[in-house]
Amino acid sequence: MGTVVTILHIVVAVALIVIVLLQSGKSYGLSGSIAGGAETFFGKNKGRTIDALLSKLTTVAAVVFLITSIILAFFK
């Protein structure tokens, strides 16, 4: 059982790194902050963008990583 959780933990860790690296930065200087504010007010499909999907995947991967970390702590 410990080996399976360890392998899952490693896979989730690598996936979490890749997902975070795929996300675009939130600030692009002054123009990014102005455009980001406009996108907040005028963006209708914000929930359907790839950034929203990556954000949700990051949350799921982080929760799974936390759970596997706790399980591995109990095995040792």
PDB file of N, CA and C in Angstrom:
ATOM      1  N   MET A   1       0.829  -1.203   0.000  1.00  0.00           N
ATOM      2  CA  MET A   1       0.000   0.000   0.000  1.00  0.00           C
ATOM      3  C   MET A   1       0.863   1.253   0.000  1.00  0.00           C
ATOM      4  N   GLY A   2       1.940   1.228   0.747  1.00  0.00           N
ATOM      5  CA  GLY A   2       2.826   2.388   0.816  1.00  0.00           C
ATOM      6  C   GLY A   2       3.492   2.698  -0.511  1.00  0.00           C
ATOM      7  N   THR A   3       3.811   1.650  -1.271  1.00  0.00           N
ATOM      8  CA  THR A   3       4.446   1.851  -2.570  1.00  0.00           C
ATOM      9  C   THR A   3       3.486   2.514  -3.550  1.00  0.00           C
ATOM     10  N   VAL A   4       2.243   2.106  -3.511  1.00  0.00           N
ATOM     11  CA  VAL A   4       1.232   2.688  -4.407  1.00  0.00           C
ATOM     12  C   VAL A   4       1.041   4.170  -4.093  1.00  0.00           C
ATOM     13  N   VAL A   5       0.960   4.509  -2.808  1.00  0.00           N
ATOM     14  CA  VAL A   5       0.783   5.906  -2.412  1.00  0.00           C
ATOM     15  C   VAL A   5       2.014   6.722  -2.769  1.00  0.00           C
ATOM     16  N   THR A   6       3.197   6.137  -2.626  1.00  0.00           N
ATOM     17  CA  THR A   6       4.429   6.845  -2.990  1.00  0.00           C
ATOM     18  C   THR A   6       4.474   7.146  -4.489  1.00  0.00           C
ATOM     19  N   ILE A   7       4.104   6.169  -5.293  1.00  0.00           N
ATOM     20  CA  ILE A   7       4.090   6.380  -6.748  1.00  0.00           C
ATOM     21  C   ILE A   7       3.053   7.439  -7.116  1.00  0.00           C
ATOM     22  N   LEU A   8       1.867   7.367  -6.509  1.00  0.00           N
ATOM     23  CA  LEU A   8       0.832   8.377  -6.756  1.00  0.00           C
ATOM     24  C   LEU A   8       1.316   9.758  -6.330  1.00  0.00           C
ATOM     25  N   HIS A   9       2.012   9.829  -5.213  1.00  0.00           N
ATOM     26  CA  HIS A   9       2.540  11.098  -4.706  1.00  0.00           C
ATOM     27  C   HIS A   9       3.537  11.715  -5.697  1.00  0.00           C
ATOM     28  N   ILE A  10       4.407  10.903  -6.241  1.00  0.00           N
ATOM     29  CA  ILE A  10       5.405  11.396  -7.203  1.00  0.00           C
ATOM     30  C   ILE A  10       4.726  11.868  -8.482  1.00  0.00           C
ATOM     31  N   VAL A  11       3.746  11.097  -8.965  1.00  0.00           N
ATOM     32  CA  VAL A  11       3.036  11.479 -10.190  1.00  0.00           C
ATOM     33  C   VAL A  11       2.281  12.792  -9.986  1.00  0.00           C
ATOM     34  N   VAL A  12       1.624  12.936  -8.841  1.00  0.00           N
ATOM     35  CA  VAL A  12       0.885  14.166  -8.558  1.00  0.00           C
ATOM     36  C   VAL A  12       1.840  15.349  -8.407  1.00  0.00           C
ATOM     37  N   ALA A  13       3.009  15.123  -7.803  1.00  0.00           N
ATOM     38  CA  ALA A  13       3.980  16.205  -7.647  1.00  0.00           C
ATOM     39  C   ALA A  13       4.464  16.707  -9.005  1.00  0.00           C
ATOM     40  N   VAL A  14       4.772  15.790  -9.903  1.00  0.00           N
ATOM     41  CA  VAL A  14       5.219  16.186 -11.243  1.00  0.00           C
ATOM     42  C   VAL A  14       4.082  16.884 -11.994  1.00  0.00           C
ATOM     43  N   ALA A  15       2.872  16.360 -11.870  1.00  0.00           N
ATOM     44  CA  ALA A  15       1.722  16.992 -12.536  1.00  0.00           C
ATOM     45  C   ALA A  15       1.479  18.391 -11.994  1.00  0.00           C
ATOM     46  N   LEU A  16       1.621  18.568 -10.693  1.00  0.00           N
ATOM     47  CA  LEU A  16       1.427  19.886 -10.092  1.00  0.00           C
ATOM     48  C   LEU A  16       2.460  20.881 -10.614  1.00  0.00           C
ATOM     49  N   ILE A  17       3.691  20.447 -10.751  1.00  0.00           N
ATOM     50  CA  ILE A  17       4.733  21.322 -11.292  1.00  0.00           C
ATOM     51  C   ILE A  17       4.409  21.718 -12.729  1.00  0.00           C
ATOM     52  N   VAL A  18       4.000  20.763 -13.532  1.00  0.00           N
ATOM     53  CA  VAL A  18       3.699  21.037 -14.938  1.00  0.00           C
ATOM     54  C   VAL A  18       2.491  21.972 -15.062  1.00  0.00           C
ATOM     55  N   ILE A  19       1.463  21.722 -14.265  1.00  0.00           N
ATOM     56  CA  ILE A  19       0.261  22.564 -14.331  1.00  0.00           C
ATOM     57  C   ILE A  19       0.579  24.004 -13.952  1.00  0.00           C
ATOM     58  N   VAL A  20       1.384  24.186 -12.913  1.00  0.00           N
ATOM     59  CA  VAL A  20       1.739  25.549 -12.488  1.00  0.00           C
ATOM     60  C   VAL A  20       2.576  26.241 -13.555  1.00  0.00           C
ATOM     61  N   LEU A  21       3.491  25.500 -14.178  1.00  0.00           N
ATOM     62  CA  LEU A  21       4.322  26.107 -15.213  1.00  0.00           C
ATOM     63  C   LEU A  21       3.530  26.453 -16.474  1.00  0.00           C
ATOM     64  N   LEU A  22       2.436  25.760 -16.725  1.00  0.00           N
ATOM     65  CA  LEU A  22       1.615  26.053 -17.901  1.00  0.00           C
ATOM     66  C   LEU A  22       0.758  27.302 -17.728  1.00  0.00           C
ATOM     67  N   GLN A  23       0.526  27.720 -16.500  1.00  0.00           N
ATOM     68  CA  GLN A  23      -0.322  28.885 -16.269  1.00  0.00           C
ATOM     69  C   GLN A  23       0.387  30.160 -16.681  1.00  0.00           C
ATOM     70  N   SER A  24      -0.395  31.084 -17.205  1.00  0.00           N
ATOM     71  CA  SER A  24       0.180  32.371 -17.585  1.00  0.00           C
ATOM     72  C   SER A  24       0.302  33.240 -16.347  1.00  0.00           C
ATOM     73  N   GLY A  25       1.230  34.188 -16.408  1.00  0.00           N
ATOM     74  CA  GLY A  25       1.437  35.085 -15.286  1.00  0.00           C
ATOM     75  C   GLY A  25       0.254  36.016 -15.102  1.00  0.00           C
ATOM     76  N   LYS A  26       0.032  36.452 -13.887  1.00  0.00           N
ATOM     77  CA  LYS A  26      -1.107  37.327 -13.608  1.00  0.00           C
ATOM     78  C   LYS A  26      -0.804  38.791 -13.875  1.00  0.00           C
ATOM     79  N   SER A  27       0.453  39.175 -13.868  1.00  0.00           N
ATOM     80  CA  SER A  27       0.765  40.582 -14.091  1.00  0.00           C
ATOM     81  C   SER A  27       1.795  40.713 -15.211  1.00  0.00           C
ATOM     82  N   TYR A  28       1.560  41.637 -16.094  1.00  0.00           N
ATOM     83  CA  TYR A  28       2.479  41.936 -17.178  1.00  0.00           C
ATOM     84  C   TYR A  28       2.931  43.387 -17.094  1.00  0.00           C
ATOM     85  N   GLY A  29       3.210  43.847 -15.909  1.00  0.00           N
ATOM     86  CA  GLY A  29       3.589  45.239 -15.735  1.00  0.00           C
ATOM     87  C   GLY A  29       2.360  46.122 -15.633  1.00  0.00           C
ATOM     88  N   LEU A  30       2.523  47.392 -15.951  1.00  0.00           N
ATOM     89  CA  LEU A  30       1.424  48.348 -15.842  1.00  0.00           C
ATOM     90  C   LEU A  30       0.314  48.055 -16.840  1.00  0.00           C
ATOM     91  N   SER A  31       0.670  47.701 -18.056  1.00  0.00           N
ATOM     92  CA  SER A  31      -0.359  47.420 -19.057  1.00  0.00           C
ATOM     93  C   SER A  31      -1.139  46.160 -18.698  1.00  0.00           C
ATOM     94  N   GLY A  32      -0.486  45.211 -18.074  1.00  0.00           N
ATOM     95  CA  GLY A  32      -1.179  44.002 -17.646  1.00  0.00           C
ATOM     96  C   GLY A  32      -2.176  44.267 -16.546  1.00  0.00           C
ATOM     97  N   SER A  33      -1.841  45.198 -15.665  1.00  0.00           N
ATOM     98  CA  SER A  33      -2.781  45.495 -14.584  1.00  0.00           C
ATOM     99  C   SER A  33      -4.006  46.230 -15.108  1.00  0.00           C
ATOM    100  N   ILE A  34      -3.812  47.090 -16.099  1.00  0.00           N
ATOM    101  CA  ILE A  34      -4.948  47.799 -16.695  1.00  0.00           C
ATOM    102  C   ILE A  34      -5.805  46.822 -17.493  1.00  0.00           C
ATOM    103  N   ALA A  35      -5.164  45.979 -18.297  1.00  0.00           N
ATOM    104  CA  ALA A  35      -5.909  45.004 -19.091  1.00  0.00           C
ATOM    105  C   ALA A  35      -6.578  43.980 -18.185  1.00  0.00           C
ATOM    106  N   GLY A  36      -5.926  43.609 -17.085  1.00  0.00           N
ATOM    107  CA  GLY A  36      -6.528  42.664 -16.150  1.00  0.00           C
ATOM    108  C   GLY A  36      -7.775  43.214 -15.513  1.00  0.00           C
ATOM    109  N   GLY A  37      -7.767  44.503 -15.205  1.00  0.00           N
ATOM    110  CA  GLY A  37      -8.964  45.132 -14.648  1.00  0.00           C
ATOM    111  C   GLY A  37     -10.082  45.187 -15.667  1.00  0.00           C
ATOM    112  N   ALA A  38      -9.739  45.477 -16.911  1.00  0.00           N
ATOM    113  CA  ALA A  38     -10.753  45.504 -17.963  1.00  0.00           C
ATOM    114  C   ALA A  38     -11.306  44.108 -18.211  1.00  0.00           C
ATOM    115  N   GLU A  39     -10.447  43.112 -18.116  1.00  0.00           N
ATOM    116  CA  GLU A  39     -10.900  41.740 -18.322  1.00  0.00           C
ATOM    117  C   GLU A  39     -11.847  41.307 -17.205  1.00  0.00           C
ATOM    118  N   THR A  40     -11.599  41.788 -16.003  1.00  0.00           N
ATOM    119  CA  THR A  40     -12.467  41.450 -14.887  1.00  0.00           C
ATOM    120  C   THR A  40     -13.860  42.031 -15.094  1.00  0.00           C
ATOM    121  N   PHE A  41     -13.930  43.260 -15.578  1.00  0.00           N
ATOM    122  CA  PHE A  41     -15.229  43.908 -15.757  1.00  0.00           C
ATOM    123  C   PHE A  41     -15.941  43.450 -17.026  1.00  0.00           C
ATOM    124  N   PHE A  42     -15.190  43.195 -18.081  1.00  0.00           N
ATOM    125  CA  PHE A  42     -15.819  42.939 -19.367  1.00  0.00           C
ATOM    126  C   PHE A  42     -15.718  41.490 -19.829  1.00  0.00           C
ATOM    127  N   GLY A  43     -14.958  40.661 -19.137  1.00  0.00           N
ATOM    128  CA  GLY A  43     -14.789  39.272 -19.555  1.00  0.00           C
ATOM    129  C   GLY A  43     -16.001  38.431 -19.206  1.00  0.00           C
ATOM    130  N   LYS A  44     -16.704  37.959 -20.229  1.00  0.00           N
ATOM    131  CA  LYS A  44     -17.926  37.196 -19.996  1.00  0.00           C
ATOM    132  C   LYS A  44     -17.649  35.705 -19.854  1.00  0.00           C
ATOM    133  N   ASN A  45     -16.635  35.213 -20.538  1.00  0.00           N
ATOM    134  CA  ASN A  45     -16.347  33.781 -20.543  1.00  0.00           C
ATOM    135  C   ASN A  45     -15.140  33.440 -19.695  1.00  0.00           C
ATOM    136  N   LYS A  46     -14.953  34.135 -18.601  1.00  0.00           N
ATOM    137  CA  LYS A  46     -13.781  33.919 -17.758  1.00  0.00           C
ATOM    138  C   LYS A  46     -13.748  32.495 -17.210  1.00  0.00           C
ATOM    139  N   GLY A  47     -14.887  31.931 -16.894  1.00  0.00           N
ATOM    140  CA  GLY A  47     -14.939  30.594 -16.319  1.00  0.00           C
ATOM    141  C   GLY A  47     -14.638  29.493 -17.309  1.00  0.00           C
ATOM    142  N   ARG A  48     -14.646  29.799 -18.588  1.00  0.00           N
ATOM    143  CA  ARG A  48     -14.448  28.781 -19.619  1.00  0.00           C
ATOM    144  C   ARG A  48     -13.054  28.825 -20.243  1.00  0.00           C
ATOM    145  N   THR A  49     -12.209  29.701 -19.797  1.00  0.00           N
ATOM    146  CA  THR A  49     -10.894  29.825 -20.412  1.00  0.00           C
ATOM    147  C   THR A  49      -9.980  28.723 -19.939  1.00  0.00           C
ATOM    148  N   ILE A  50      -8.880  28.564 -20.633  1.00  0.00           N
ATOM    149  CA  ILE A  50      -7.892  27.547 -20.267  1.00  0.00           C
ATOM    150  C   ILE A  50      -7.242  27.888 -18.931  1.00  0.00           C
ATOM    151  N   ASP A  51      -7.127  29.187 -18.626  1.00  0.00           N
ATOM    152  CA  ASP A  51      -6.562  29.577 -17.337  1.00  0.00           C
ATOM    153  C   ASP A  51      -7.455  29.144 -16.178  1.00  0.00           C
ATOM    154  N   ALA A  52      -8.759  29.217 -16.377  1.00  0.00           N
ATOM    155  CA  ALA A  52      -9.684  28.771 -15.329  1.00  0.00           C
ATOM    156  C   ALA A  52      -9.588  27.262 -15.140  1.00  0.00           C
ATOM    157  N   LEU A  53      -9.461  26.536 -16.239  1.00  0.00           N
ATOM    158  CA  LEU A  53      -9.309  25.090 -16.152  1.00  0.00           C
ATOM    159  C   LEU A  53      -8.014  24.715 -15.441  1.00  0.00           C
ATOM    160  N   LEU A  54      -6.934  25.399 -15.796  1.00  0.00           N
ATOM    161  CA  LEU A  54      -5.651  25.117 -15.141  1.00  0.00           C
ATOM    162  C   LEU A  54      -5.694  25.479 -13.661  1.00  0.00           C
ATOM    163  N   SER A  55      -6.422  26.515 -13.322  1.00  0.00           N
ATOM    164  CA  SER A  55      -6.564  26.892 -11.920  1.00  0.00           C
ATOM    165  C   SER A  55      -7.299  25.812 -11.129  1.00  0.00           C
ATOM    166  N   LYS A  56      -8.349  25.269 -11.718  1.00  0.00           N
ATOM    167  CA  LYS A  56      -9.096  24.199 -11.052  1.00  0.00           C
ATOM    168  C   LYS A  56      -8.251  22.940 -10.935  1.00  0.00           C
ATOM    169  N   LEU A  57      -7.499  22.625 -11.990  1.00  0.00           N
ATOM    170  CA  LEU A  57      -6.619  21.456 -11.939  1.00  0.00           C
ATOM    171  C   LEU A  57      -5.523  21.626 -10.886  1.00  0.00           C
ATOM    172  N   THR A  58      -5.027  22.848 -10.728  1.00  0.00           N
ATOM    173  CA  THR A  58      -4.032  23.118  -9.703  1.00  0.00           C
ATOM    174  C   THR A  58      -4.601  22.863  -8.321  1.00  0.00           C
ATOM    175  N   THR A  59      -5.818  23.294  -8.099  1.00  0.00           N
ATOM    176  CA  THR A  59      -6.462  23.084  -6.803  1.00  0.00           C
ATOM    177  C   THR A  59      -6.644  21.594  -6.515  1.00  0.00           C
ATOM    178  N   VAL A  60      -7.114  20.849  -7.509  1.00  0.00           N
ATOM    179  CA  VAL A  60      -7.326  19.419  -7.324  1.00  0.00           C
ATOM    180  C   VAL A  60      -5.998  18.706  -7.069  1.00  0.00           C
ATOM    181  N   ALA A  61      -4.981  19.040  -7.862  1.00  0.00           N
ATOM    182  CA  ALA A  61      -3.675  18.403  -7.690  1.00  0.00           C
ATOM    183  C   ALA A  61      -3.068  18.745  -6.334  1.00  0.00           C
ATOM    184  N   ALA A  62      -3.250  19.969  -5.874  1.00  0.00           N
ATOM    185  CA  ALA A  62      -2.710  20.360  -4.568  1.00  0.00           C
ATOM    186  C   ALA A  62      -3.401  19.609  -3.438  1.00  0.00           C
ATOM    187  N   VAL A  63      -4.713  19.421  -3.544  1.00  0.00           N
ATOM    188  CA  VAL A  63      -5.441  18.680  -2.512  1.00  0.00           C
ATOM    189  C   VAL A  63      -5.005  17.212  -2.494  1.00  0.00           C
ATOM    190  N   VAL A  64      -4.868  16.607  -3.676  1.00  0.00           N
ATOM    191  CA  VAL A  64      -4.420  15.210  -3.745  1.00  0.00           C
ATOM    192  C   VAL A  64      -2.998  15.092  -3.215  1.00  0.00           C
ATOM    193  N   PHE A  65      -2.143  16.053  -3.526  1.00  0.00           N
ATOM    194  CA  PHE A  65      -0.773  16.052  -3.024  1.00  0.00           C
ATOM    195  C   PHE A  65      -0.758  16.141  -1.498  1.00  0.00           C
ATOM    196  N   LEU A  66      -1.604  16.980  -0.940  1.00  0.00           N
ATOM    197  CA  LEU A  66      -1.689  17.121   0.513  1.00  0.00           C
ATOM    198  C   LEU A  66      -2.168  15.829   1.168  1.00  0.00           C
ATOM    199  N   ILE A  67      -3.170  15.207   0.584  1.00  0.00           N
ATOM    200  CA  ILE A  67      -3.710  13.966   1.141  1.00  0.00           C
ATOM    201  C   ILE A  67      -2.667  12.847   1.080  1.00  0.00           C
ATOM    202  N   THR A  68      -1.976  12.727  -0.054  1.00  0.00           N
ATOM    203  CA  THR A  68      -0.951  11.690  -0.147  1.00  0.00           C
ATOM    204  C   THR A  68       0.207  11.970   0.784  1.00  0.00           C
ATOM    205  N   SER A  69       0.517  13.239   1.026  1.00  0.00           N
ATOM    206  CA  SER A  69       1.574  13.588   1.977  1.00  0.00           C
ATOM    207  C   SER A  69       1.197  13.152   3.389  1.00  0.00           C
ATOM    208  N   ILE A  70      -0.045  13.383   3.764  1.00  0.00           N
ATOM    209  CA  ILE A  70      -0.501  12.991   5.098  1.00  0.00           C
ATOM    210  C   ILE A  70      -0.504  11.469   5.243  1.00  0.00           C
ATOM    211  N   ILE A  71      -0.959  10.769   4.204  1.00  0.00           N
ATOM    212  CA  ILE A  71      -0.961   9.302   4.242  1.00  0.00           C
ATOM    213  C   ILE A  71       0.459   8.769   4.361  1.00  0.00           C
ATOM    214  N   LEU A  72       1.390   9.349   3.611  1.00  0.00           N
ATOM    215  CA  LEU A  72       2.784   8.899   3.683  1.00  0.00           C
ATOM    216  C   LEU A  72       3.399   9.206   5.047  1.00  0.00           C
ATOM    217  N   ALA A  73       2.971  10.269   5.684  1.00  0.00           N
ATOM    218  CA  ALA A  73       3.490  10.598   7.015  1.00  0.00           C
ATOM    219  C   ALA A  73       3.039   9.543   8.026  1.00  0.00           C
ATOM    220  N   PHE A  74       1.865   8.996   7.872  1.00  0.00           N
ATOM    221  CA  PHE A  74       1.387   7.957   8.778  1.00  0.00           C
ATOM    222  C   PHE A  74       2.060   6.610   8.545  1.00  0.00           C
ATOM    223  N   PHE A  75       2.545   6.372   7.313  1.00  0.00           N
ATOM    224  CA  PHE A  75       3.213   5.115   7.009  1.00  0.00           C
ATOM    225  C   PHE A  75       4.622   5.041   7.588  1.00  0.00           C
ATOM    226  N   LYS A  76       5.234   6.153   7.835  1.00  0.00           N
ATOM    227  CA  LYS A  76       6.623   6.154   8.298  1.00  0.00           C
ATOM    228  C   LYS A  76       6.734   6.112   9.790  1.00  0.00           C
TER     229      LYS A  76
END
